[in-house]
Amino acid sequence: MLKNIFKAPSRLSASISVFHDFHRPPYGGGNQFMLALTSEFERNGYKIERNKLSDSTEVCLFNSFNFNSRKLLASKHVSSTLMIHRVDGPVDKYRGDERGVDSEIWKINQTIANATVFQSQYSLDAHIKLGMQFRRPTVIKNSVDSTIFYPSKKDFSSKLVDLGCYISVSG
């Protein structure tokens, strides 16, 4: 996992940058993931910078191709920031077109990424089959937003009790 490769950012004094073209939900899985992750970082006390790098940025997570790559590549802070690239797809393959999106994603990855997070093992394997080797790849599967699906442990445990009762009664 990434925490074994890199030290965690120091809270409060440092910031985490996220590069993504954010949209109001519902709007695609990558957008939902980036919104949920950004909210979780903020809940845990990290300062979040959206679509910018600064002197205090320690880590930057940029999402696939859904961001202003020119702005990111032009930043003077790229070389001093841990750059993590979230990748899904392969986009051309699952959309059935030949625009070259996957090639562009790979080029950006090779240019600035220190590490790559794939959202599924399928995605990593499919890129390898296409001959694309990404920088320090790892898989971190998408998760649900716990404030929506499991708003509190009490609610979750009571649902388990209800489920257990249902199974024992109907079983």
C-alpha atoms as a PDB file:
ATOM      1  CA  MET A   1       0.000   0.000   0.000  1.00  0.00           C
ATOM      2  CA  LEU A   2       1.051   3.606  -0.425  1.00  0.00           C
ATOM      3  CA  LYS A   3       1.568   4.215   3.273  1.00  0.00           C
ATOM      4  CA  ASN A   4       4.334   1.599   3.149  1.00  0.00           C
ATOM      5  CA  ILE A   5       6.002   3.489   0.297  1.00  0.00           C
ATOM      6  CA  PHE A   6       5.618   7.095   1.461  1.00  0.00           C
ATOM      7  CA  LYS A   7       5.230   8.841   4.793  1.00  0.00           C
ATOM      8  CA  ALA A   8       1.802  10.262   5.539  1.00  0.00           C
ATOM      9  CA  PRO A   9       1.378  14.014   5.173  1.00  0.00           C
ATOM     10  CA  SER A  10       1.625  15.966   8.403  1.00  0.00           C
ATOM     11  CA  ARG A  11      -1.800  17.280   9.369  1.00  0.00           C
ATOM     12  CA  LEU A  12      -2.747  20.942   9.604  1.00  0.00           C
ATOM     13  CA  SER A  13       0.596  22.381   8.444  1.00  0.00           C
ATOM     14  CA  ALA A  14       0.541  20.617   5.092  1.00  0.00           C
ATOM     15  CA  SER A  15      -2.118  20.221   2.492  1.00  0.00           C
ATOM     16  CA  ILE A  16      -3.332  17.587   0.095  1.00  0.00           C
ATOM     17  CA  SER A  17      -4.108  18.738  -3.410  1.00  0.00           C
ATOM     18  CA  VAL A  18      -6.744  17.049  -5.543  1.00  0.00           C
ATOM     19  CA  PHE A  19      -6.857  17.705  -9.270  1.00  0.00           C
ATOM     20  CA  HIS A  20     -10.245  16.800 -10.705  1.00  0.00           C
ATOM     21  CA  ASP A  21     -13.058  18.519 -12.604  1.00  0.00           C
ATOM     22  CA  PHE A  22     -15.618  18.297  -9.794  1.00  0.00           C
ATOM     23  CA  HIS A  23     -19.345  18.092 -10.609  1.00  0.00           C
ATOM     24  CA  ARG A  24     -22.442  18.068  -8.430  1.00  0.00           C
ATOM     25  CA  PRO A  25     -23.657  14.497  -7.882  1.00  0.00           C
ATOM     26  CA  PRO A  26     -24.753  12.289  -9.322  1.00  0.00           C
ATOM     27  CA  TYR A  27     -21.993  12.405 -11.904  1.00  0.00           C
ATOM     28  CA  GLY A  28     -19.929   9.288 -12.536  1.00  0.00           C
ATOM     29  CA  GLY A  29     -17.984   6.961 -10.288  1.00  0.00           C
ATOM     30  CA  GLY A  30     -14.682   8.844 -10.428  1.00  0.00           C
ATOM     31  CA  ASN A  31     -16.397  12.075  -9.435  1.00  0.00           C
ATOM     32  CA  GLN A  32     -18.241  10.359  -6.572  1.00  0.00           C
ATOM     33  CA  PHE A  33     -14.954   8.806  -5.408  1.00  0.00           C
ATOM     34  CA  MET A  34     -13.086  12.121  -5.470  1.00  0.00           C
ATOM     35  CA  LEU A  35     -15.903  13.906  -3.586  1.00  0.00           C
ATOM     36  CA  ALA A  36     -16.033  11.195  -0.913  1.00  0.00           C
ATOM     37  CA  LEU A  37     -12.242  11.034  -0.526  1.00  0.00           C
ATOM     38  CA  THR A  38     -11.909  14.811  -0.300  1.00  0.00           C
ATOM     39  CA  SER A  39     -14.639  14.916   2.361  1.00  0.00           C
ATOM     40  CA  GLU A  40     -12.914  12.162   4.325  1.00  0.00           C
ATOM     41  CA  PHE A  41      -9.576  13.991   4.223  1.00  0.00           C
ATOM     42  CA  GLU A  42     -11.295  17.141   5.511  1.00  0.00           C
ATOM     43  CA  ARG A  43     -13.087  15.192   8.283  1.00  0.00           C
ATOM     44  CA  ASN A  44      -9.664  13.915   9.353  1.00  0.00           C
ATOM     45  CA  GLY A  45      -8.216  17.413   9.653  1.00  0.00           C
ATOM     46  CA  TYR A  46      -6.298  17.780   6.405  1.00  0.00           C
ATOM     47  CA  LYS A  47      -6.281  21.044   4.472  1.00  0.00           C
ATOM     48  CA  ILE A  48      -7.504  20.380   0.917  1.00  0.00           C
ATOM     49  CA  GLU A  49      -6.435  22.365  -2.134  1.00  0.00           C
ATOM     50  CA  ARG A  50      -8.583  21.896  -5.205  1.00  0.00           C
ATOM     51  CA  ASN A  51      -6.853  22.070  -8.590  1.00  0.00           C
ATOM     52  CA  LYS A  52      -3.764  23.904  -7.363  1.00  0.00           C
ATOM     53  CA  LEU A  53      -0.370  23.218  -5.808  1.00  0.00           C
ATOM     54  CA  SER A  54       1.228  25.524  -3.246  1.00  0.00           C
ATOM     55  CA  ASP A  55       4.321  25.732  -1.054  1.00  0.00           C
ATOM     56  CA  SER A  56       2.500  23.714   1.618  1.00  0.00           C
ATOM     57  CA  THR A  57       1.304  20.911  -0.688  1.00  0.00           C
ATOM     58  CA  GLU A  58       2.895  17.604   0.277  1.00  0.00           C
ATOM     59  CA  VAL A  59       0.696  15.223  -1.714  1.00  0.00           C
ATOM     60  CA  CYS A  60      -1.291  15.637  -4.925  1.00  0.00           C
ATOM     61  CA  LEU A  61      -3.880  13.134  -6.120  1.00  0.00           C
ATOM     62  CA  PHE A  62      -4.868  13.668  -9.740  1.00  0.00           C
ATOM     63  CA  ASN A  63      -7.740  11.744 -11.271  1.00  0.00           C
ATOM     64  CA  SER A  64      -7.274   9.824 -14.518  1.00  0.00           C
ATOM     65  CA  PHE A  65      -7.753  12.451 -17.258  1.00  0.00           C
ATOM     66  CA  ASN A  66     -10.586  14.399 -15.605  1.00  0.00           C
ATOM     67  CA  PHE A  67      -8.592  17.499 -14.684  1.00  0.00           C
ATOM     68  CA  ASN A  68      -6.730  20.435 -16.207  1.00  0.00           C
ATOM     69  CA  SER A  69      -3.462  18.700 -17.085  1.00  0.00           C
ATOM     70  CA  ARG A  70      -1.882  21.862 -18.520  1.00  0.00           C
ATOM     71  CA  LYS A  71      -2.363  23.671 -15.214  1.00  0.00           C
ATOM     72  CA  LEU A  72      -0.919  20.772 -13.230  1.00  0.00           C
ATOM     73  CA  LEU A  73       2.060  20.241 -15.545  1.00  0.00           C
ATOM     74  CA  ALA A  74       2.847  23.980 -15.484  1.00  0.00           C
ATOM     75  CA  SER A  75       2.973  24.185 -11.682  1.00  0.00           C
ATOM     76  CA  LYS A  76       6.401  24.964 -10.246  1.00  0.00           C
ATOM     77  CA  HIS A  77       5.612  22.687  -7.277  1.00  0.00           C
ATOM     78  CA  VAL A  78       5.251  19.399  -9.219  1.00  0.00           C
ATOM     79  CA  SER A  79       8.846  18.299  -8.582  1.00  0.00           C
ATOM     80  CA  SER A  80       8.604  18.919  -4.817  1.00  0.00           C
ATOM     81  CA  THR A  81       5.210  17.234  -4.341  1.00  0.00           C
ATOM     82  CA  LEU A  82       4.380  13.547  -4.024  1.00  0.00           C
ATOM     83  CA  MET A  83       2.255  12.947  -7.134  1.00  0.00           C
ATOM     84  CA  ILE A  84      -0.306  10.119  -7.020  1.00  0.00           C
ATOM     85  CA  HIS A  85      -2.308   9.295 -10.144  1.00  0.00           C
ATOM     86  CA  ARG A  86      -5.705   7.577  -9.815  1.00  0.00           C
ATOM     87  CA  VAL A  87      -6.416   5.525 -12.929  1.00  0.00           C
ATOM     88  CA  ASP A  88      -9.456   3.582 -14.088  1.00  0.00           C
ATOM     89  CA  GLY A  89     -10.409   2.219 -17.485  1.00  0.00           C
ATOM     90  CA  PRO A  90      -8.902   1.509 -19.925  1.00  0.00           C
ATOM     91  CA  VAL A  91     -11.195   4.247 -21.157  1.00  0.00           C
ATOM     92  CA  ASP A  92     -10.837   3.659 -24.916  1.00  0.00           C
ATOM     93  CA  LYS A  93     -11.483  -0.043 -24.430  1.00  0.00           C
ATOM     94  CA  TYR A  94     -14.661   0.183 -22.356  1.00  0.00           C
ATOM     95  CA  ARG A  95     -16.062   3.154 -24.302  1.00  0.00           C
ATOM     96  CA  GLY A  96     -15.317   1.445 -27.609  1.00  0.00           C
ATOM     97  CA  ASP A  97     -13.507   4.368 -29.217  1.00  0.00           C
ATOM     98  CA  GLU A  98     -10.016   5.187 -30.364  1.00  0.00           C
ATOM     99  CA  ARG A  99      -9.491   8.768 -29.190  1.00  0.00           C
ATOM    100  CA  GLY A 100      -6.246   7.856 -27.483  1.00  0.00           C
ATOM    101  CA  VAL A 101      -7.385   8.744 -23.964  1.00  0.00           C
ATOM    102  CA  ASP A 102      -5.509   5.804 -22.436  1.00  0.00           C
ATOM    103  CA  SER A 103      -2.306   6.853 -24.162  1.00  0.00           C
ATOM    104  CA  GLU A 104      -2.686  10.402 -22.815  1.00  0.00           C
ATOM    105  CA  ILE A 105      -3.312   9.081 -19.295  1.00  0.00           C
ATOM    106  CA  TRP A 106      -0.186   6.915 -19.557  1.00  0.00           C
ATOM    107  CA  LYS A 107       1.947   9.833 -20.839  1.00  0.00           C
ATOM    108  CA  ILE A 108       0.906  12.075 -17.933  1.00  0.00           C
ATOM    109  CA  ASN A 109       1.626   9.214 -15.550  1.00  0.00           C
ATOM    110  CA  GLN A 110       5.126   8.730 -16.954  1.00  0.00           C
ATOM    111  CA  THR A 111       5.798  12.470 -16.841  1.00  0.00           C
ATOM    112  CA  ILE A 112       4.885  13.332 -13.238  1.00  0.00           C
ATOM    113  CA  ALA A 113       3.509  10.399 -11.206  1.00  0.00           C
ATOM    114  CA  ASN A 114       5.444   8.957  -8.289  1.00  0.00           C
ATOM    115  CA  ALA A 115       2.812   6.263  -7.753  1.00  0.00           C
ATOM    116  CA  THR A 116      -0.390   5.020  -9.382  1.00  0.00           C
ATOM    117  CA  VAL A 117      -3.603   3.912  -7.706  1.00  0.00           C
ATOM    118  CA  PHE A 118      -5.858   1.700  -9.817  1.00  0.00           C
ATOM    119  CA  GLN A 119      -9.496   1.447  -8.759  1.00  0.00           C
ATOM    120  CA  SER A 120      -9.659  -2.280  -9.597  1.00  0.00           C
ATOM    121  CA  GLN A 121      -7.436  -5.247 -10.371  1.00  0.00           C
ATOM    122  CA  TYR A 122      -9.261  -5.520 -13.700  1.00  0.00           C
ATOM    123  CA  SER A 123      -8.157  -1.999 -14.611  1.00  0.00           C
ATOM    124  CA  LEU A 124      -4.512  -2.669 -13.735  1.00  0.00           C
ATOM    125  CA  ASP A 125      -4.479  -5.994 -15.617  1.00  0.00           C
ATOM    126  CA  ALA A 126      -6.207  -4.503 -18.680  1.00  0.00           C
ATOM    127  CA  HIS A 127      -3.597  -1.738 -18.933  1.00  0.00           C
ATOM    128  CA  ILE A 128      -0.780  -4.270 -18.613  1.00  0.00           C
ATOM    129  CA  LYS A 129      -2.336  -6.296 -21.472  1.00  0.00           C
ATOM    130  CA  LEU A 130      -2.234  -3.104 -23.563  1.00  0.00           C
ATOM    131  CA  GLY A 131       1.496  -2.820 -22.821  1.00  0.00           C
ATOM    132  CA  MET A 132       1.169   0.137 -20.455  1.00  0.00           C
ATOM    133  CA  GLN A 133       3.325  -0.003 -17.338  1.00  0.00           C
ATOM    134  CA  PHE A 134       2.411   2.663 -14.814  1.00  0.00           C
ATOM    135  CA  ARG A 135       4.578   4.132 -12.047  1.00  0.00           C
ATOM    136  CA  ARG A 136       4.544   2.095  -8.807  1.00  0.00           C
ATOM    137  CA  PRO A 137       1.046   0.653  -9.317  1.00  0.00           C
ATOM    138  CA  THR A 138      -1.208  -0.522  -6.512  1.00  0.00           C
ATOM    139  CA  VAL A 139      -4.924  -1.301  -6.326  1.00  0.00           C
ATOM    140  CA  ILE A 140      -7.206   0.493  -3.875  1.00  0.00           C
ATOM    141  CA  LYS A 141     -10.806  -0.423  -4.552  1.00  0.00           C
ATOM    142  CA  ASN A 142     -13.512   2.212  -4.481  1.00  0.00           C
ATOM    143  CA  SER A 143     -15.590   2.224  -1.327  1.00  0.00           C
ATOM    144  CA  VAL A 144     -18.938   3.600  -0.290  1.00  0.00           C
ATOM    145  CA  ASP A 145     -19.433   6.909   1.479  1.00  0.00           C
ATOM    146  CA  SER A 146     -20.018   5.810   5.074  1.00  0.00           C
ATOM    147  CA  THR A 147     -22.087   8.912   5.838  1.00  0.00           C
ATOM    148  CA  ILE A 148     -24.664   7.650   3.335  1.00  0.00           C
ATOM    149  CA  PHE A 149     -24.500   3.854   3.610  1.00  0.00           C
ATOM    150  CA  TYR A 150     -23.378   3.373   7.223  1.00  0.00           C
ATOM    151  CA  PRO A 151     -24.096   6.682   8.976  1.00  0.00           C
ATOM    152  CA  SER A 152     -23.293   5.329  12.451  1.00  0.00           C
ATOM    153  CA  LYS A 153     -22.058   2.124  14.016  1.00  0.00           C
ATOM    154  CA  LYS A 154     -25.252   1.948  16.068  1.00  0.00           C
ATOM    155  CA  ASP A 155     -27.389   2.027  12.931  1.00  0.00           C
ATOM    156  CA  PHE A 156     -25.162  -0.564  11.276  1.00  0.00           C
ATOM    157  CA  SER A 157     -25.182  -2.942  14.254  1.00  0.00           C
ATOM    158  CA  SER A 158     -28.962  -2.702  14.575  1.00  0.00           C
ATOM    159  CA  LYS A 159     -29.255  -3.590  10.890  1.00  0.00           C
ATOM    160  CA  LEU A 160     -27.060  -6.637  11.519  1.00  0.00           C
ATOM    161  CA  VAL A 161     -29.290  -7.663  14.445  1.00  0.00           C
ATOM    162  CA  ASP A 162     -32.368  -7.205  12.241  1.00  0.00           C
ATOM    163  CA  LEU A 163     -30.715  -9.254   9.508  1.00  0.00           C
ATOM    164  CA  GLY A 164     -29.748 -11.958  12.021  1.00  0.00           C
ATOM    165  CA  CYS A 165     -33.317 -12.110  13.336  1.00  0.00           C
ATOM    166  CA  TYR A 166     -34.662 -12.306   9.784  1.00  0.00           C
ATOM    167  CA  ILE A 167     -32.303 -15.146   8.903  1.00  0.00           C
ATOM    168  CA  SER A 168     -33.125 -17.147  12.061  1.00  0.00           C
ATOM    169  CA  VAL A 169     -36.888 -16.643  11.626  1.00  0.00           C
ATOM    170  CA  SER A 170     -36.953 -17.417   7.906  1.00  0.00           C
ATOM    171  CA  GLY A 171     -34.224 -20.098   8.034  1.00  0.00           C
END
